[in-house]
Amino acid sequence: MIAWWGWLLIWVGLVLALLIMLAVVAWVLFRKAMVLMKDLSDVVDKTAILDVETEKISKPQIAILAEMAQIRDRHEAQRERRLGLTAARRERRLERGKKITRRDASRMQWPEGWS
């Protein structure tokens, strides 16, 4: 049979082991929570850049409540803007192509075997 002080030592050891284990688990969870808070603050800092004033945001137009002429005008304005962007892009491509192909072959120094 185990003496009373043996049982006391066993239970004290078990309670100390439990407290140590709980402290370690609490420390690990605390560290994870601190890393999570740091990540959340980084995300908040990055999303602060995306905040825009509400005055700059255009409100959606409800087509049902608008006049047909307004809808047509808006559609035509968007179409003309897209056509203008397409034409400007085409002009830039043509200019770039002209720069690339505008080389005078008579002024170039060719390798000796090519003459």
N, C-alpha and C. Protein backbone atom coordinates (compact mmCIF):
# COMPACT_ATOMS: atom_id res chain seq x y z
N MET A 1 0.83 -1.18 0.00
CA MET A 1 0.00 0.00 0.00
C MET A 1 0.88 1.25 0.00
N ILE A 2 0.39 2.29 -0.70
CA ILE A 2 1.14 3.54 -0.79
C ILE A 2 0.76 4.38 0.42
N ALA A 3 1.76 5.02 1.00
CA ALA A 3 1.53 5.87 2.16
C ALA A 3 0.81 7.15 1.73
N TRP A 4 0.25 7.85 2.69
CA TRP A 4 -0.53 9.05 2.41
C TRP A 4 0.32 10.12 1.72
N TRP A 5 1.59 10.20 2.11
CA TRP A 5 2.44 11.21 1.51
C TRP A 5 2.79 10.84 0.07
N GLY A 6 2.74 9.55 -0.28
CA GLY A 6 2.96 9.11 -1.65
C GLY A 6 1.83 9.60 -2.57
N TRP A 7 0.59 9.43 -2.06
CA TRP A 7 -0.55 9.93 -2.82
C TRP A 7 -0.49 11.46 -2.97
N LEU A 8 -0.06 12.10 -1.91
CA LEU A 8 0.07 13.55 -1.96
C LEU A 8 1.08 13.97 -3.02
N LEU A 9 2.22 13.29 -3.08
CA LEU A 9 3.24 13.60 -4.10
C LEU A 9 2.73 13.33 -5.51
N ILE A 10 2.02 12.23 -5.66
CA ILE A 10 1.48 11.91 -6.99
C ILE A 10 0.51 12.99 -7.46
N TRP A 11 -0.43 13.38 -6.57
CA TRP A 11 -1.42 14.39 -6.96
C TRP A 11 -0.79 15.77 -7.16
N VAL A 12 0.16 16.12 -6.35
CA VAL A 12 0.85 17.40 -6.55
C VAL A 12 1.59 17.38 -7.88
N GLY A 13 2.23 16.29 -8.21
CA GLY A 13 2.92 16.17 -9.50
C GLY A 13 1.96 16.27 -10.67
N LEU A 14 0.81 15.57 -10.55
CA LEU A 14 -0.18 15.64 -11.62
C LEU A 14 -0.75 17.05 -11.80
N VAL A 15 -1.04 17.71 -10.70
CA VAL A 15 -1.57 19.07 -10.78
C VAL A 15 -0.52 20.01 -11.37
N LEU A 16 0.74 19.88 -10.97
CA LEU A 16 1.81 20.72 -11.53
C LEU A 16 1.99 20.45 -13.02
N ALA A 17 1.92 19.17 -13.42
CA ALA A 17 2.04 18.84 -14.85
C ALA A 17 0.88 19.46 -15.63
N LEU A 18 -0.34 19.39 -15.06
CA LEU A 18 -1.50 19.99 -15.71
C LEU A 18 -1.34 21.50 -15.85
N LEU A 19 -0.89 22.16 -14.79
CA LEU A 19 -0.70 23.61 -14.84
C LEU A 19 0.38 24.00 -15.84
N ILE A 20 1.46 23.23 -15.90
CA ILE A 20 2.53 23.52 -16.87
C ILE A 20 2.00 23.34 -18.30
N MET A 21 1.24 22.25 -18.50
CA MET A 21 0.69 22.02 -19.83
C MET A 21 -0.27 23.14 -20.22
N LEU A 22 -1.14 23.56 -19.31
CA LEU A 22 -2.06 24.66 -19.60
C LEU A 22 -1.31 25.96 -19.87
N ALA A 23 -0.23 26.21 -19.15
CA ALA A 23 0.55 27.42 -19.38
C ALA A 23 1.20 27.39 -20.76
N VAL A 24 1.72 26.24 -21.16
CA VAL A 24 2.35 26.13 -22.48
C VAL A 24 1.30 26.33 -23.58
N VAL A 25 0.14 25.70 -23.44
CA VAL A 25 -0.92 25.86 -24.44
C VAL A 25 -1.38 27.31 -24.49
N ALA A 26 -1.52 27.96 -23.33
CA ALA A 26 -1.93 29.36 -23.30
C ALA A 26 -0.87 30.24 -23.96
N TRP A 27 0.40 29.93 -23.73
CA TRP A 27 1.47 30.72 -24.36
C TRP A 27 1.45 30.58 -25.88
N VAL A 28 1.26 29.36 -26.36
CA VAL A 28 1.20 29.12 -27.81
C VAL A 28 0.01 29.86 -28.42
N LEU A 29 -1.15 29.77 -27.76
CA LEU A 29 -2.33 30.48 -28.27
C LEU A 29 -2.14 31.99 -28.24
N PHE A 30 -1.48 32.50 -27.20
CA PHE A 30 -1.20 33.94 -27.10
C PHE A 30 -0.30 34.37 -28.24
N ARG A 31 0.73 33.60 -28.52
CA ARG A 31 1.65 33.95 -29.62
C ARG A 31 0.91 33.95 -30.96
N LYS A 32 0.06 32.95 -31.18
CA LYS A 32 -0.71 32.89 -32.42
C LYS A 32 -1.66 34.08 -32.52
N ALA A 33 -2.27 34.47 -31.41
CA ALA A 33 -3.17 35.62 -31.41
C ALA A 33 -2.40 36.90 -31.72
N MET A 34 -1.19 37.04 -31.22
CA MET A 34 -0.40 38.23 -31.50
C MET A 34 0.00 38.29 -32.98
N VAL A 35 0.35 37.15 -33.56
CA VAL A 35 0.67 37.11 -34.99
C VAL A 35 -0.57 37.46 -35.81
N LEU A 36 -1.73 36.96 -35.40
CA LEU A 36 -2.98 37.27 -36.09
C LEU A 36 -3.28 38.77 -36.01
N MET A 37 -3.08 39.37 -34.85
CA MET A 37 -3.31 40.82 -34.71
C MET A 37 -2.36 41.62 -35.60
N LYS A 38 -1.11 41.19 -35.69
CA LYS A 38 -0.15 41.88 -36.55
C LYS A 38 -0.58 41.78 -38.01
N ASP A 39 -1.00 40.59 -38.43
CA ASP A 39 -1.47 40.41 -39.80
C ASP A 39 -2.71 41.25 -40.08
N LEU A 40 -3.62 41.31 -39.12
CA LEU A 40 -4.82 42.13 -39.30
C LEU A 40 -4.47 43.62 -39.41
N SER A 41 -3.50 44.07 -38.62
CA SER A 41 -3.11 45.48 -38.72
C SER A 41 -2.45 45.77 -40.08
N ASP A 42 -1.68 44.81 -40.59
CA ASP A 42 -1.09 44.98 -41.93
C ASP A 42 -2.18 45.06 -43.00
N VAL A 43 -3.19 44.22 -42.87
CA VAL A 43 -4.29 44.23 -43.85
C VAL A 43 -5.05 45.55 -43.77
N VAL A 44 -5.28 46.05 -42.56
CA VAL A 44 -5.97 47.33 -42.40
C VAL A 44 -5.15 48.46 -43.02
N ASP A 45 -3.84 48.43 -42.82
CA ASP A 45 -2.98 49.46 -43.42
C ASP A 45 -3.03 49.41 -44.94
N LYS A 46 -3.04 48.19 -45.49
CA LYS A 46 -3.08 48.06 -46.95
C LYS A 46 -4.43 48.47 -47.52
N THR A 47 -5.51 48.17 -46.81
CA THR A 47 -6.82 48.53 -47.32
C THR A 47 -7.14 50.00 -47.10
N ALA A 48 -6.39 50.68 -46.25
CA ALA A 48 -6.61 52.12 -46.06
C ALA A 48 -6.30 52.87 -47.35
N ILE A 49 -5.41 52.32 -48.15
CA ILE A 49 -5.08 52.93 -49.44
C ILE A 49 -6.29 52.90 -50.36
N LEU A 50 -7.11 51.87 -50.23
CA LEU A 50 -8.24 51.69 -51.13
C LEU A 50 -9.44 52.57 -50.77
N ASP A 51 -9.41 53.20 -49.58
CA ASP A 51 -10.53 54.06 -49.20
C ASP A 51 -10.60 55.26 -50.14
N VAL A 52 -11.75 55.47 -50.70
CA VAL A 52 -11.96 56.61 -51.58
C VAL A 52 -13.12 57.42 -51.05
N GLU A 53 -13.14 58.67 -51.43
CA GLU A 53 -14.25 59.52 -51.01
C GLU A 53 -15.51 59.12 -51.77
N THR A 54 -16.62 59.20 -51.09
CA THR A 54 -17.87 58.77 -51.71
C THR A 54 -18.30 59.74 -52.80
N GLU A 55 -17.78 60.98 -52.78
CA GLU A 55 -18.17 61.94 -53.81
C GLU A 55 -17.64 61.53 -55.17
N LYS A 56 -16.49 60.86 -55.20
CA LYS A 56 -15.89 60.47 -56.47
C LYS A 56 -16.59 59.28 -57.10
N ILE A 57 -17.24 58.47 -56.28
CA ILE A 57 -17.90 57.27 -56.80
C ILE A 57 -19.22 57.69 -57.44
N SER A 58 -19.39 57.26 -58.67
CA SER A 58 -20.64 57.59 -59.34
C SER A 58 -21.72 56.62 -58.89
N LYS A 59 -22.88 57.16 -58.66
CA LYS A 59 -24.00 56.32 -58.24
C LYS A 59 -24.58 55.64 -59.47
N PRO A 60 -25.00 54.40 -59.34
CA PRO A 60 -25.56 53.71 -60.51
C PRO A 60 -26.87 54.37 -60.94
N GLN A 61 -27.05 54.44 -62.22
CA GLN A 61 -28.25 55.05 -62.78
C GLN A 61 -29.28 53.95 -63.04
N ILE A 62 -30.46 54.18 -62.60
CA ILE A 62 -31.53 53.21 -62.81
C ILE A 62 -32.15 53.49 -64.18
N ALA A 63 -32.02 52.54 -65.07
CA ALA A 63 -32.46 52.74 -66.45
C ALA A 63 -33.98 52.82 -66.56
N ILE A 64 -34.68 52.21 -65.66
CA ILE A 64 -36.15 52.23 -65.74
C ILE A 64 -36.68 53.64 -65.50
N LEU A 65 -36.01 54.39 -64.61
CA LEU A 65 -36.48 55.72 -64.26
C LEU A 65 -35.97 56.80 -65.21
N ALA A 66 -35.03 56.46 -66.08
CA ALA A 66 -34.45 57.46 -66.98
C ALA A 66 -35.24 57.52 -68.28
N GLU A 67 -35.10 58.64 -68.95
CA GLU A 67 -35.72 58.80 -70.26
C GLU A 67 -34.93 58.00 -71.29
N MET A 68 -35.59 57.58 -72.33
CA MET A 68 -34.94 56.79 -73.38
C MET A 68 -33.83 57.59 -74.05
N ALA A 69 -34.04 58.89 -74.22
CA ALA A 69 -33.03 59.73 -74.86
C ALA A 69 -31.75 59.80 -74.00
N GLN A 70 -31.92 59.86 -72.69
CA GLN A 70 -30.76 59.88 -71.80
C GLN A 70 -29.98 58.58 -71.89
N ILE A 71 -30.72 57.49 -71.93
CA ILE A 71 -30.05 56.18 -72.02
C ILE A 71 -29.29 56.08 -73.34
N ARG A 72 -29.93 56.52 -74.45
CA ARG A 72 -29.27 56.49 -75.75
C ARG A 72 -28.03 57.36 -75.76
N ASP A 73 -28.16 58.58 -75.19
CA ASP A 73 -27.01 59.50 -75.15
C ASP A 73 -25.86 58.91 -74.34
N ARG A 74 -26.19 58.32 -73.20
CA ARG A 74 -25.15 57.70 -72.37
C ARG A 74 -24.47 56.55 -73.11
N HIS A 75 -25.28 55.74 -73.78
CA HIS A 75 -24.72 54.61 -74.54
C HIS A 75 -23.83 55.11 -75.68
N GLU A 76 -24.29 56.13 -76.38
CA GLU A 76 -23.48 56.68 -77.48
C GLU A 76 -22.19 57.30 -76.97
N ALA A 77 -22.24 57.97 -75.81
CA ALA A 77 -21.03 58.58 -75.24
C ALA A 77 -20.02 57.49 -74.89
N GLN A 78 -20.50 56.40 -74.28
CA GLN A 78 -19.60 55.30 -73.95
C GLN A 78 -19.03 54.68 -75.23
N ARG A 79 -19.86 54.52 -76.23
CA ARG A 79 -19.40 53.92 -77.49
C ARG A 79 -18.35 54.80 -78.16
N GLU A 80 -18.60 56.11 -78.18
CA GLU A 80 -17.63 57.03 -78.79
C GLU A 80 -16.32 57.05 -78.00
N ARG A 81 -16.41 56.98 -76.68
CA ARG A 81 -15.19 56.94 -75.88
C ARG A 81 -14.38 55.69 -76.18
N ARG A 82 -15.07 54.54 -76.27
CA ARG A 82 -14.37 53.30 -76.61
C ARG A 82 -13.76 53.36 -78.00
N LEU A 83 -14.49 53.94 -78.96
CA LEU A 83 -13.95 54.07 -80.31
C LEU A 83 -12.74 55.00 -80.33
N GLY A 84 -12.81 56.07 -79.55
CA GLY A 84 -11.67 56.98 -79.45
C GLY A 84 -10.45 56.29 -78.85
N LEU A 85 -10.66 55.49 -77.82
CA LEU A 85 -9.55 54.75 -77.21
C LEU A 85 -8.96 53.76 -78.21
N THR A 86 -9.84 53.09 -78.97
CA THR A 86 -9.37 52.13 -79.98
C THR A 86 -8.57 52.84 -81.06
N ALA A 87 -9.06 53.99 -81.52
CA ALA A 87 -8.34 54.73 -82.56
C ALA A 87 -6.99 55.23 -82.04
N ALA A 88 -6.97 55.70 -80.80
CA ALA A 88 -5.70 56.18 -80.22
C ALA A 88 -4.71 55.03 -80.09
N ARG A 89 -5.19 53.86 -79.68
CA ARG A 89 -4.32 52.69 -79.56
C ARG A 89 -3.79 52.28 -80.94
N ARG A 90 -4.65 52.36 -81.95
CA ARG A 90 -4.22 52.01 -83.31
C ARG A 90 -3.15 52.99 -83.80
N GLU A 91 -3.35 54.28 -83.53
CA GLU A 91 -2.36 55.28 -83.93
C GLU A 91 -1.02 55.05 -83.23
N ARG A 92 -1.07 54.72 -81.95
CA ARG A 92 0.19 54.44 -81.23
C ARG A 92 0.91 53.23 -81.82
N ARG A 93 0.12 52.20 -82.18
CA ARG A 93 0.73 51.02 -82.80
C ARG A 93 1.35 51.35 -84.15
N LEU A 94 0.64 52.16 -84.95
CA LEU A 94 1.18 52.54 -86.25
C LEU A 94 2.47 53.35 -86.10
N GLU A 95 2.48 54.29 -85.17
CA GLU A 95 3.69 55.09 -84.94
C GLU A 95 4.85 54.22 -84.49
N ARG A 96 4.56 53.27 -83.61
CA ARG A 96 5.61 52.36 -83.15
C ARG A 96 6.13 51.51 -84.31
N GLY A 97 5.21 51.05 -85.16
CA GLY A 97 5.62 50.27 -86.32
C GLY A 97 6.45 51.08 -87.29
N LYS A 98 6.09 52.35 -87.47
CA LYS A 98 6.87 53.22 -88.36
C LYS A 98 8.26 53.48 -87.80
N LYS A 99 8.36 53.61 -86.48
CA LYS A 99 9.67 53.82 -85.88
C LYS A 99 10.56 52.60 -86.08
N ILE A 100 9.95 51.43 -85.95
CA ILE A 100 10.73 50.19 -86.08
C ILE A 100 11.20 49.99 -87.51
N THR A 101 10.33 50.29 -88.48
CA THR A 101 10.66 50.00 -89.88
C THR A 101 11.36 51.15 -90.58
N ARG A 102 11.51 52.27 -89.97
CA ARG A 102 12.12 53.44 -90.59
C ARG A 102 13.64 53.38 -90.46
N ARG A 103 14.27 52.43 -91.09
CA ARG A 103 15.71 52.26 -91.01
C ARG A 103 16.29 52.37 -92.41
N ASP A 104 17.27 53.22 -92.60
CA ASP A 104 17.89 53.41 -93.90
C ASP A 104 19.00 52.37 -94.06
N ALA A 105 18.78 51.44 -94.99
CA ALA A 105 19.73 50.34 -95.17
C ALA A 105 21.03 50.80 -95.81
N SER A 106 21.02 51.94 -96.54
CA SER A 106 22.25 52.41 -97.21
C SER A 106 23.27 52.94 -96.19
N ARG A 107 22.83 53.36 -95.04
CA ARG A 107 23.75 53.91 -94.04
C ARG A 107 24.28 52.85 -93.09
N MET A 108 23.72 51.68 -93.13
CA MET A 108 24.13 50.64 -92.17
C MET A 108 25.47 50.07 -92.55
N GLN A 109 26.20 49.65 -91.55
CA GLN A 109 27.47 48.96 -91.78
C GLN A 109 27.19 47.47 -91.73
N TRP A 110 27.31 46.87 -92.89
CA TRP A 110 27.03 45.45 -92.99
C TRP A 110 28.31 44.66 -92.74
N PRO A 111 28.20 43.44 -92.30
CA PRO A 111 29.39 42.60 -92.14
C PRO A 111 30.10 42.44 -93.48
N GLU A 112 31.38 42.20 -93.46
CA GLU A 112 32.19 42.18 -94.68
C GLU A 112 31.75 41.10 -95.68
N GLY A 113 31.27 40.00 -95.22
CA GLY A 113 30.86 38.93 -96.10
C GLY A 113 29.52 39.20 -96.78
N TRP A 114 28.80 40.23 -96.43
CA TRP A 114 27.46 40.48 -96.96
C TRP A 114 27.49 41.44 -98.15
N SER A 115 28.57 42.04 -98.49
CA SER A 115 28.61 43.07 -99.53
C SER A 115 28.33 42.54 -100.91
